Amino acid sequence: MRDHLLARPWIDIRPQIETDGVTYELRETRSSRDFFAVDETSPYVVCVQECDGRCVFTLTPAPARSTSVAACEEALR
């Protein structure tokens, strides 16, 4: 199984698996509640399964970064 691909941004995973020639399928999942803001432009991998010789990646939008978290991350650089 490809557990090392879990909890990573899709933008980072896709070039790697395409270079490796992996056949894959994408699925999307979302929370049934919209309590927390999400970043629709940044999907990340929440599940990796193998089915009929291909990998099935389940993606969900990444949590949106709050301004306080962004400021803290910038201060740590």
PDB file of N, CA and C in Angstrom:
ATOM      1  N   MET A   1       0.854  -1.180   0.000  1.00  0.00           N
ATOM      2  CA  MET A   1       0.000   0.000   0.000  1.00  0.00           C
ATOM      3  C   MET A   1       0.898   1.240   0.000  1.00  0.00           C
ATOM      4  N   ARG A   2       0.346   2.322  -0.393  1.00  0.00           N
ATOM      5  CA  ARG A   2       1.108   3.561  -0.518  1.00  0.00           C
ATOM      6  C   ARG A   2       0.785   4.532   0.619  1.00  0.00           C
ATOM      7  N   ASP A   3       0.909   4.068   1.837  1.00  0.00           N
ATOM      8  CA  ASP A   3       0.588   4.893   3.005  1.00  0.00           C
ATOM      9  C   ASP A   3       1.459   6.132   3.112  1.00  0.00           C
ATOM     10  N   HIS A   4       2.641   6.100   2.529  1.00  0.00           N
ATOM     11  CA  HIS A   4       3.531   7.260   2.590  1.00  0.00           C
ATOM     12  C   HIS A   4       2.979   8.446   1.801  1.00  0.00           C
ATOM     13  N   LEU A   5       1.892   8.243   1.060  1.00  0.00           N
ATOM     14  CA  LEU A   5       1.267   9.316   0.295  1.00  0.00           C
ATOM     15  C   LEU A   5       0.105   9.966   1.041  1.00  0.00           C
ATOM     16  N   LEU A   6      -0.251   9.430   2.189  1.00  0.00           N
ATOM     17  CA  LEU A   6      -1.366   9.962   2.963  1.00  0.00           C
ATOM     18  C   LEU A   6      -1.033  11.316   3.579  1.00  0.00           C
ATOM     19  N   ALA A   7      -2.080  12.127   3.740  1.00  0.00           N
ATOM     20  CA  ALA A   7      -1.994  13.420   4.433  1.00  0.00           C
ATOM     21  C   ALA A   7      -0.992  14.361   3.785  1.00  0.00           C
ATOM     22  N   ARG A   8      -0.896  14.262   2.474  1.00  0.00           N
ATOM     23  CA  ARG A   8      -0.003  15.147   1.730  1.00  0.00           C
ATOM     24  C   ARG A   8      -0.809  15.876   0.663  1.00  0.00           C
ATOM     25  N   PRO A   9      -0.379  17.071   0.300  1.00  0.00           N
ATOM     26  CA  PRO A   9      -1.093  17.808  -0.745  1.00  0.00           C
ATOM     27  C   PRO A   9      -1.042  17.065  -2.081  1.00  0.00           C
ATOM     28  N   TRP A  10      -2.158  17.047  -2.779  1.00  0.00           N
ATOM     29  CA  TRP A  10      -2.240  16.378  -4.072  1.00  0.00           C
ATOM     30  C   TRP A  10      -1.230  16.969  -5.054  1.00  0.00           C
ATOM     31  N   ILE A  11      -1.001  18.249  -4.983  1.00  0.00           N
ATOM     32  CA  ILE A  11      -0.057  18.901  -5.892  1.00  0.00           C
ATOM     33  C   ILE A  11       1.356  18.335  -5.732  1.00  0.00           C
ATOM     34  N   ASP A  12       1.678  17.821  -4.554  1.00  0.00           N
ATOM     35  CA  ASP A  12       2.990  17.202  -4.320  1.00  0.00           C
ATOM     36  C   ASP A  12       3.017  15.742  -4.758  1.00  0.00           C
ATOM     37  N   ILE A  13       1.895  15.062  -4.642  1.00  0.00           N
ATOM     38  CA  ILE A  13       1.807  13.631  -4.939  1.00  0.00           C
ATOM     39  C   ILE A  13       1.719  13.354  -6.436  1.00  0.00           C
ATOM     40  N   ARG A  14       0.912  14.126  -7.128  1.00  0.00           N
ATOM     41  CA  ARG A  14       0.613  13.840  -8.536  1.00  0.00           C
ATOM     42  C   ARG A  14       1.853  13.704  -9.422  1.00  0.00           C
ATOM     43  N   PRO A  15       2.794  14.642  -9.399  1.00  0.00           N
ATOM     44  CA  PRO A  15       3.968  14.465 -10.264  1.00  0.00           C
ATOM     45  C   PRO A  15       4.747  13.187  -9.946  1.00  0.00           C
ATOM     46  N   GLN A  16       4.817  12.838  -8.678  1.00  0.00           N
ATOM     47  CA  GLN A  16       5.555  11.644  -8.248  1.00  0.00           C
ATOM     48  C   GLN A  16       4.919  10.373  -8.813  1.00  0.00           C
ATOM     49  N   ILE A  17       3.599  10.248  -8.695  1.00  0.00           N
ATOM     50  CA  ILE A  17       2.964   9.013  -9.167  1.00  0.00           C
ATOM     51  C   ILE A  17       2.904   8.962 -10.689  1.00  0.00           C
ATOM     52  N   GLU A  18       2.798  10.114 -11.329  1.00  0.00           N
ATOM     53  CA  GLU A  18       2.803  10.111 -12.799  1.00  0.00           C
ATOM     54  C   GLU A  18       4.180   9.750 -13.336  1.00  0.00           C
ATOM     55  N   THR A  19       5.235  10.210 -12.679  1.00  0.00           N
ATOM     56  CA  THR A  19       6.601   9.840 -13.058  1.00  0.00           C
ATOM     57  C   THR A  19       6.820   8.341 -12.881  1.00  0.00           C
ATOM     58  N   ASP A  20       6.235   7.783 -11.823  1.00  0.00           N
ATOM     59  CA  ASP A  20       6.358   6.347 -11.552  1.00  0.00           C
ATOM     60  C   ASP A  20       5.458   5.502 -12.452  1.00  0.00           C
ATOM     61  N   GLY A  21       4.594   6.154 -13.241  1.00  0.00           N
ATOM     62  CA  GLY A  21       3.705   5.424 -14.143  1.00  0.00           C
ATOM     63  C   GLY A  21       2.563   4.713 -13.447  1.00  0.00           C
ATOM     64  N   VAL A  22       2.151   5.221 -12.305  1.00  0.00           N
ATOM     65  CA  VAL A  22       1.080   4.605 -11.537  1.00  0.00           C
ATOM     66  C   VAL A  22      -0.271   4.939 -12.175  1.00  0.00           C
ATOM     67  N   THR A  23      -1.090   3.915 -12.385  1.00  0.00           N
ATOM     68  CA  THR A  23      -2.455   4.121 -12.851  1.00  0.00           C
ATOM     69  C   THR A  23      -3.297   4.449 -11.629  1.00  0.00           C
ATOM     70  N   TYR A  24      -4.072   5.539 -11.720  1.00  0.00           N
ATOM     71  CA  TYR A  24      -4.819   5.947 -10.543  1.00  0.00           C
ATOM     72  C   TYR A  24      -6.206   6.480 -10.893  1.00  0.00           C
ATOM     73  N   GLU A  25      -7.023   6.543  -9.867  1.00  0.00           N
ATOM     74  CA  GLU A  25      -8.376   7.090  -9.957  1.00  0.00           C
ATOM     75  C   GLU A  25      -8.530   8.058  -8.789  1.00  0.00           C
ATOM     76  N   LEU A  26      -9.284   9.120  -9.001  1.00  0.00           N
ATOM     77  CA  LEU A  26      -9.518  10.097  -7.936  1.00  0.00           C
ATOM     78  C   LEU A  26     -10.962  10.032  -7.470  1.00  0.00           C
ATOM     79  N   ARG A  27     -11.119  10.175  -6.170  1.00  0.00           N
ATOM     80  CA  ARG A  27     -12.440  10.317  -5.564  1.00  0.00           C
ATOM     81  C   ARG A  27     -12.368  11.518  -4.643  1.00  0.00           C
ATOM     82  N   GLU A  28     -13.503  12.105  -4.383  1.00  0.00           N
ATOM     83  CA  GLU A  28     -13.544  13.283  -3.510  1.00  0.00           C
ATOM     84  C   GLU A  28     -14.476  13.017  -2.347  1.00  0.00           C
ATOM     85  N   THR A  29     -14.118  13.532  -1.199  1.00  0.00           N
ATOM     86  CA  THR A  29     -14.984  13.461  -0.031  1.00  0.00           C
ATOM     87  C   THR A  29     -15.010  14.838   0.614  1.00  0.00           C
ATOM     88  N   ARG A  30     -16.073  15.100   1.312  1.00  0.00           N
ATOM     89  CA  ARG A  30     -16.228  16.389   1.994  1.00  0.00           C
ATOM     90  C   ARG A  30     -16.925  16.163   3.324  1.00  0.00           C
ATOM     91  N   SER A  31     -16.672  17.075   4.228  1.00  0.00           N
ATOM     92  CA  SER A  31     -17.369  17.040   5.503  1.00  0.00           C
ATOM     93  C   SER A  31     -18.835  17.390   5.270  1.00  0.00           C
ATOM     94  N   SER A  32     -19.692  16.809   6.043  1.00  0.00           N
ATOM     95  CA  SER A  32     -21.114  17.122   5.918  1.00  0.00           C
ATOM     96  C   SER A  32     -21.451  18.469   6.565  1.00  0.00           C
ATOM     97  N   ARG A  33     -20.497  19.018   7.289  1.00  0.00           N
ATOM     98  CA  ARG A  33     -20.692  20.317   7.937  1.00  0.00           C
ATOM     99  C   ARG A  33     -19.679  21.315   7.392  1.00  0.00           C
ATOM    100  N   ASP A  34     -20.048  22.563   7.432  1.00  0.00           N
ATOM    101  CA  ASP A  34     -19.139  23.596   6.936  1.00  0.00           C
ATOM    102  C   ASP A  34     -18.663  24.530   8.051  1.00  0.00           C
ATOM    103  N   PHE A  35     -18.489  23.951   9.229  1.00  0.00           N
ATOM    104  CA  PHE A  35     -18.068  24.737  10.389  1.00  0.00           C
ATOM    105  C   PHE A  35     -16.686  25.353  10.189  1.00  0.00           C
ATOM    106  N   PHE A  36     -15.755  24.571   9.635  1.00  0.00           N
ATOM    107  CA  PHE A  36     -14.402  25.056   9.408  1.00  0.00           C
ATOM    108  C   PHE A  36     -14.227  25.437   7.945  1.00  0.00           C
ATOM    109  N   ALA A  37     -13.561  26.537   7.720  1.00  0.00           N
ATOM    110  CA  ALA A  37     -13.285  26.976   6.350  1.00  0.00           C
ATOM    111  C   ALA A  37     -12.290  26.029   5.694  1.00  0.00           C
ATOM    112  N   VAL A  38     -12.426  25.867   4.375  1.00  0.00           N
ATOM    113  CA  VAL A  38     -11.495  25.026   3.623  1.00  0.00           C
ATOM    114  C   VAL A  38     -10.942  25.816   2.452  1.00  0.00           C
ATOM    115  N   ASP A  39      -9.816  25.347   1.950  1.00  0.00           N
ATOM    116  CA  ASP A  39      -9.190  25.939   0.773  1.00  0.00           C
ATOM    117  C   ASP A  39      -9.493  25.028  -0.408  1.00  0.00           C
ATOM    118  N   GLU A  40     -10.450  25.409  -1.214  1.00  0.00           N
ATOM    119  CA  GLU A  40     -10.894  24.586  -2.346  1.00  0.00           C
ATOM    120  C   GLU A  40      -9.795  24.346  -3.375  1.00  0.00           C
ATOM    121  N   THR A  41      -8.789  25.197  -3.389  1.00  0.00           N
ATOM    122  CA  THR A  41      -7.722  25.079  -4.395  1.00  0.00           C
ATOM    123  C   THR A  41      -6.592  24.166  -3.947  1.00  0.00           C
ATOM    124  N   SER A  42      -6.682  23.624  -2.738  1.00  0.00           N
ATOM    125  CA  SER A  42      -5.599  22.796  -2.206  1.00  0.00           C
ATOM    126  C   SER A  42      -6.092  21.445  -1.687  1.00  0.00           C
ATOM    127  N   PRO A  43      -6.424  20.529  -2.585  1.00  0.00           N
ATOM    128  CA  PRO A  43      -6.847  19.206  -2.113  1.00  0.00           C
ATOM    129  C   PRO A  43      -5.669  18.417  -1.545  1.00  0.00           C
ATOM    130  N   TYR A  44      -5.966  17.574  -0.570  1.00  0.00           N
ATOM    131  CA  TYR A  44      -4.928  16.692  -0.047  1.00  0.00           C
ATOM    132  C   TYR A  44      -5.475  15.282   0.080  1.00  0.00           C
ATOM    133  N   VAL A  45      -4.565  14.342   0.175  1.00  0.00           N
ATOM    134  CA  VAL A  45      -4.900  12.920   0.163  1.00  0.00           C
ATOM    135  C   VAL A  45      -5.296  12.463   1.570  1.00  0.00           C
ATOM    136  N   VAL A  46      -6.498  11.885   1.683  1.00  0.00           N
ATOM    137  CA  VAL A  46      -6.953  11.365   2.974  1.00  0.00           C
ATOM    138  C   VAL A  46      -7.075   9.843   2.989  1.00  0.00           C
ATOM    139  N   CYS A  47      -7.028   9.223   1.818  1.00  0.00           N
ATOM    140  CA  CYS A  47      -7.136   7.766   1.752  1.00  0.00           C
ATOM    141  C   CYS A  47      -6.469   7.269   0.473  1.00  0.00           C
ATOM    142  N   VAL A  48      -5.749   6.158   0.579  1.00  0.00           N
ATOM    143  CA  VAL A  48      -5.149   5.503  -0.584  1.00  0.00           C
ATOM    144  C   VAL A  48      -5.539   4.032  -0.528  1.00  0.00           C
ATOM    145  N   GLN A  49      -6.171   3.539  -1.597  1.00  0.00           N
ATOM    146  CA  GLN A  49      -6.563   2.138  -1.673  1.00  0.00           C
ATOM    147  C   GLN A  49      -6.076   1.576  -2.998  1.00  0.00           C
ATOM    148  N   GLU A  50      -5.939   0.271  -3.062  1.00  0.00           N
ATOM    149  CA  GLU A  50      -5.618  -0.380  -4.325  1.00  0.00           C
ATOM    150  C   GLU A  50      -6.833  -1.183  -4.766  1.00  0.00           C
ATOM    151  N   CYS A  51      -7.199  -1.012  -6.039  1.00  0.00           N
ATOM    152  CA  CYS A  51      -8.383  -1.664  -6.565  1.00  0.00           C
ATOM    153  C   CYS A  51      -8.153  -2.012  -8.028  1.00  0.00           C
ATOM    154  N   ASP A  52      -8.231  -3.288  -8.365  1.00  0.00           N
ATOM    155  CA  ASP A  52      -8.063  -3.750  -9.748  1.00  0.00           C
ATOM    156  C   ASP A  52      -6.769  -3.251 -10.394  1.00  0.00           C
ATOM    157  N   GLY A  53      -5.692  -3.275  -9.640  1.00  0.00           N
ATOM    158  CA  GLY A  53      -4.390  -2.910 -10.188  1.00  0.00           C
ATOM    159  C   GLY A  53      -4.127  -1.418 -10.308  1.00  0.00           C
ATOM    160  N   ARG A  54      -4.960  -0.596  -9.733  1.00  0.00           N
ATOM    161  CA  ARG A  54      -4.719   0.847  -9.763  1.00  0.00           C
ATOM    162  C   ARG A  54      -4.893   1.405  -8.352  1.00  0.00           C
ATOM    163  N   CYS A  55      -4.329   2.573  -8.132  1.00  0.00           N
ATOM    164  CA  CYS A  55      -4.476   3.247  -6.845  1.00  0.00           C
ATOM    165  C   CYS A  55      -5.696   4.155  -6.903  1.00  0.00           C
ATOM    166  N   VAL A  56      -6.457   4.149  -5.838  1.00  0.00           N
ATOM    167  CA  VAL A  56      -7.592   5.046  -5.714  1.00  0.00           C
ATOM    168  C   VAL A  56      -7.262   6.040  -4.608  1.00  0.00           C
ATOM    169  N   PHE A  57      -7.144   7.302  -4.997  1.00  0.00           N
ATOM    170  CA  PHE A  57      -6.829   8.372  -4.058  1.00  0.00           C
ATOM    171  C   PHE A  57      -8.107   9.125  -3.718  1.00  0.00           C
ATOM    172  N   THR A  58      -8.384   9.265  -2.435  1.00  0.00           N
ATOM    173  CA  THR A  58      -9.523  10.060  -1.992  1.00  0.00           C
ATOM    174  C   THR A  58      -8.976  11.393  -1.508  1.00  0.00           C
ATOM    175  N   LEU A  59      -9.515  12.461  -2.083  1.00  0.00           N
ATOM    176  CA  LEU A  59      -9.047  13.815  -1.779  1.00  0.00           C
ATOM    177  C   LEU A  59     -10.132  14.608  -1.069  1.00  0.00           C
ATOM    178  N   THR A  60      -9.701  15.577  -0.287  1.00  0.00           N
ATOM    179  CA  THR A  60     -10.606  16.525   0.347  1.00  0.00           C
ATOM    180  C   THR A  60      -9.917  17.882   0.372  1.00  0.00           C
ATOM    181  N   PRO A  61     -10.685  18.965   0.360  1.00  0.00           N
ATOM    182  CA  PRO A  61     -10.039  20.281   0.422  1.00  0.00           C
ATOM    183  C   PRO A  61      -9.280  20.457   1.735  1.00  0.00           C
ATOM    184  N   ALA A  62      -8.153  21.108   1.649  1.00  0.00           N
ATOM    185  CA  ALA A  62      -7.333  21.355   2.840  1.00  0.00           C
ATOM    186  C   ALA A  62      -8.019  22.374   3.749  1.00  0.00           C
ATOM    187  N   PRO A  63      -7.774  22.270   5.043  1.00  0.00           N
ATOM    188  CA  PRO A  63      -8.299  23.305   5.936  1.00  0.00           C
ATOM    189  C   PRO A  63      -7.685  24.657   5.568  1.00  0.00           C
ATOM    190  N   ALA A  64      -8.481  25.699   5.636  1.00  0.00           N
ATOM    191  CA  ALA A  64      -7.972  27.042   5.348  1.00  0.00           C
ATOM    192  C   ALA A  64      -7.063  27.492   6.489  1.00  0.00           C
ATOM    193  N   ARG A  65      -6.009  28.195   6.127  1.00  0.00           N
ATOM    194  CA  ARG A  65      -5.103  28.729   7.152  1.00  0.00           C
ATOM    195  C   ARG A  65      -5.662  30.036   7.686  1.00  0.00           C
ATOM    196  N   SER A  66      -5.719  30.138   8.982  1.00  0.00           N
ATOM    197  CA  SER A  66      -6.169  31.393   9.590  1.00  0.00           C
ATOM    198  C   SER A  66      -5.046  32.419   9.499  1.00  0.00           C
ATOM    199  N   THR A  67      -5.392  33.671   9.640  1.00  0.00           N
ATOM    200  CA  THR A  67      -4.371  34.725   9.571  1.00  0.00           C
ATOM    201  C   THR A  67      -3.381  34.600  10.723  1.00  0.00           C
ATOM    202  N   SER A  68      -3.838  34.138  11.896  1.00  0.00           N
ATOM    203  CA  SER A  68      -2.925  33.991  13.029  1.00  0.00           C
ATOM    204  C   SER A  68      -1.921  32.863  12.789  1.00  0.00           C
ATOM    205  N   VAL A  69      -2.373  31.774  12.184  1.00  0.00           N
ATOM    206  CA  VAL A  69      -1.461  30.665  11.876  1.00  0.00           C
ATOM    207  C   VAL A  69      -0.460  31.114  10.800  1.00  0.00           C
ATOM    208  N   ALA A  70      -0.928  31.807   9.792  1.00  0.00           N
ATOM    209  CA  ALA A  70      -0.037  32.306   8.740  1.00  0.00           C
ATOM    210  C   ALA A  70       1.016  33.234   9.315  1.00  0.00           C
ATOM    211  N   ALA A  71       0.628  34.112  10.242  1.00  0.00           N
ATOM    212  CA  ALA A  71       1.573  35.030  10.866  1.00  0.00           C
ATOM    213  C   ALA A  71       2.597  34.277  11.708  1.00  0.00           C
ATOM    214  N   CYS A  72       2.149  33.256  12.426  1.00  0.00           N
ATOM    215  CA  CYS A  72       3.046  32.445  13.246  1.00  0.00           C
ATOM    216  C   CYS A  72       4.044  31.706  12.373  1.00  0.00           C
ATOM    217  N   GLU A  73       3.574  31.108  11.278  1.00  0.00           N
ATOM    218  CA  GLU A  73       4.473  30.398  10.372  1.00  0.00           C
ATOM    219  C   GLU A  73       5.503  31.350   9.754  1.00  0.00           C
ATOM    220  N   GLU A  74       5.066  32.543   9.420  1.00  0.00           N
ATOM    221  CA  GLU A  74       5.976  33.527   8.837  1.00  0.00           C
ATOM    222  C   GLU A  74       7.031  33.954   9.865  1.00  0.00           C
ATOM    223  N   ALA A  75       6.639  34.091  11.107  1.00  0.00           N
ATOM    224  CA  ALA A  75       7.578  34.492  12.172  1.00  0.00           C
ATOM    225  C   ALA A  75       8.635  33.406  12.404  1.00  0.00           C
ATOM    226  N   LEU A  76       8.279  32.158  12.170  1.00  0.00           N
ATOM    227  CA  LEU A  76       9.206  31.049  12.393  1.00  0.00           C
ATOM    228  C   LEU A  76      10.207  30.870  11.262  1.00  0.00           C
ATOM    229  N   ARG A  77       9.995  31.518  10.147  1.00  0.00           N
ATOM    230  CA  ARG A  77      10.915  31.370   8.995  1.00  0.00           C
ATOM    231  C   ARG A  77      12.193  32.108   9.204  1.00  0.00           C
TER     232      ARG A  77
END
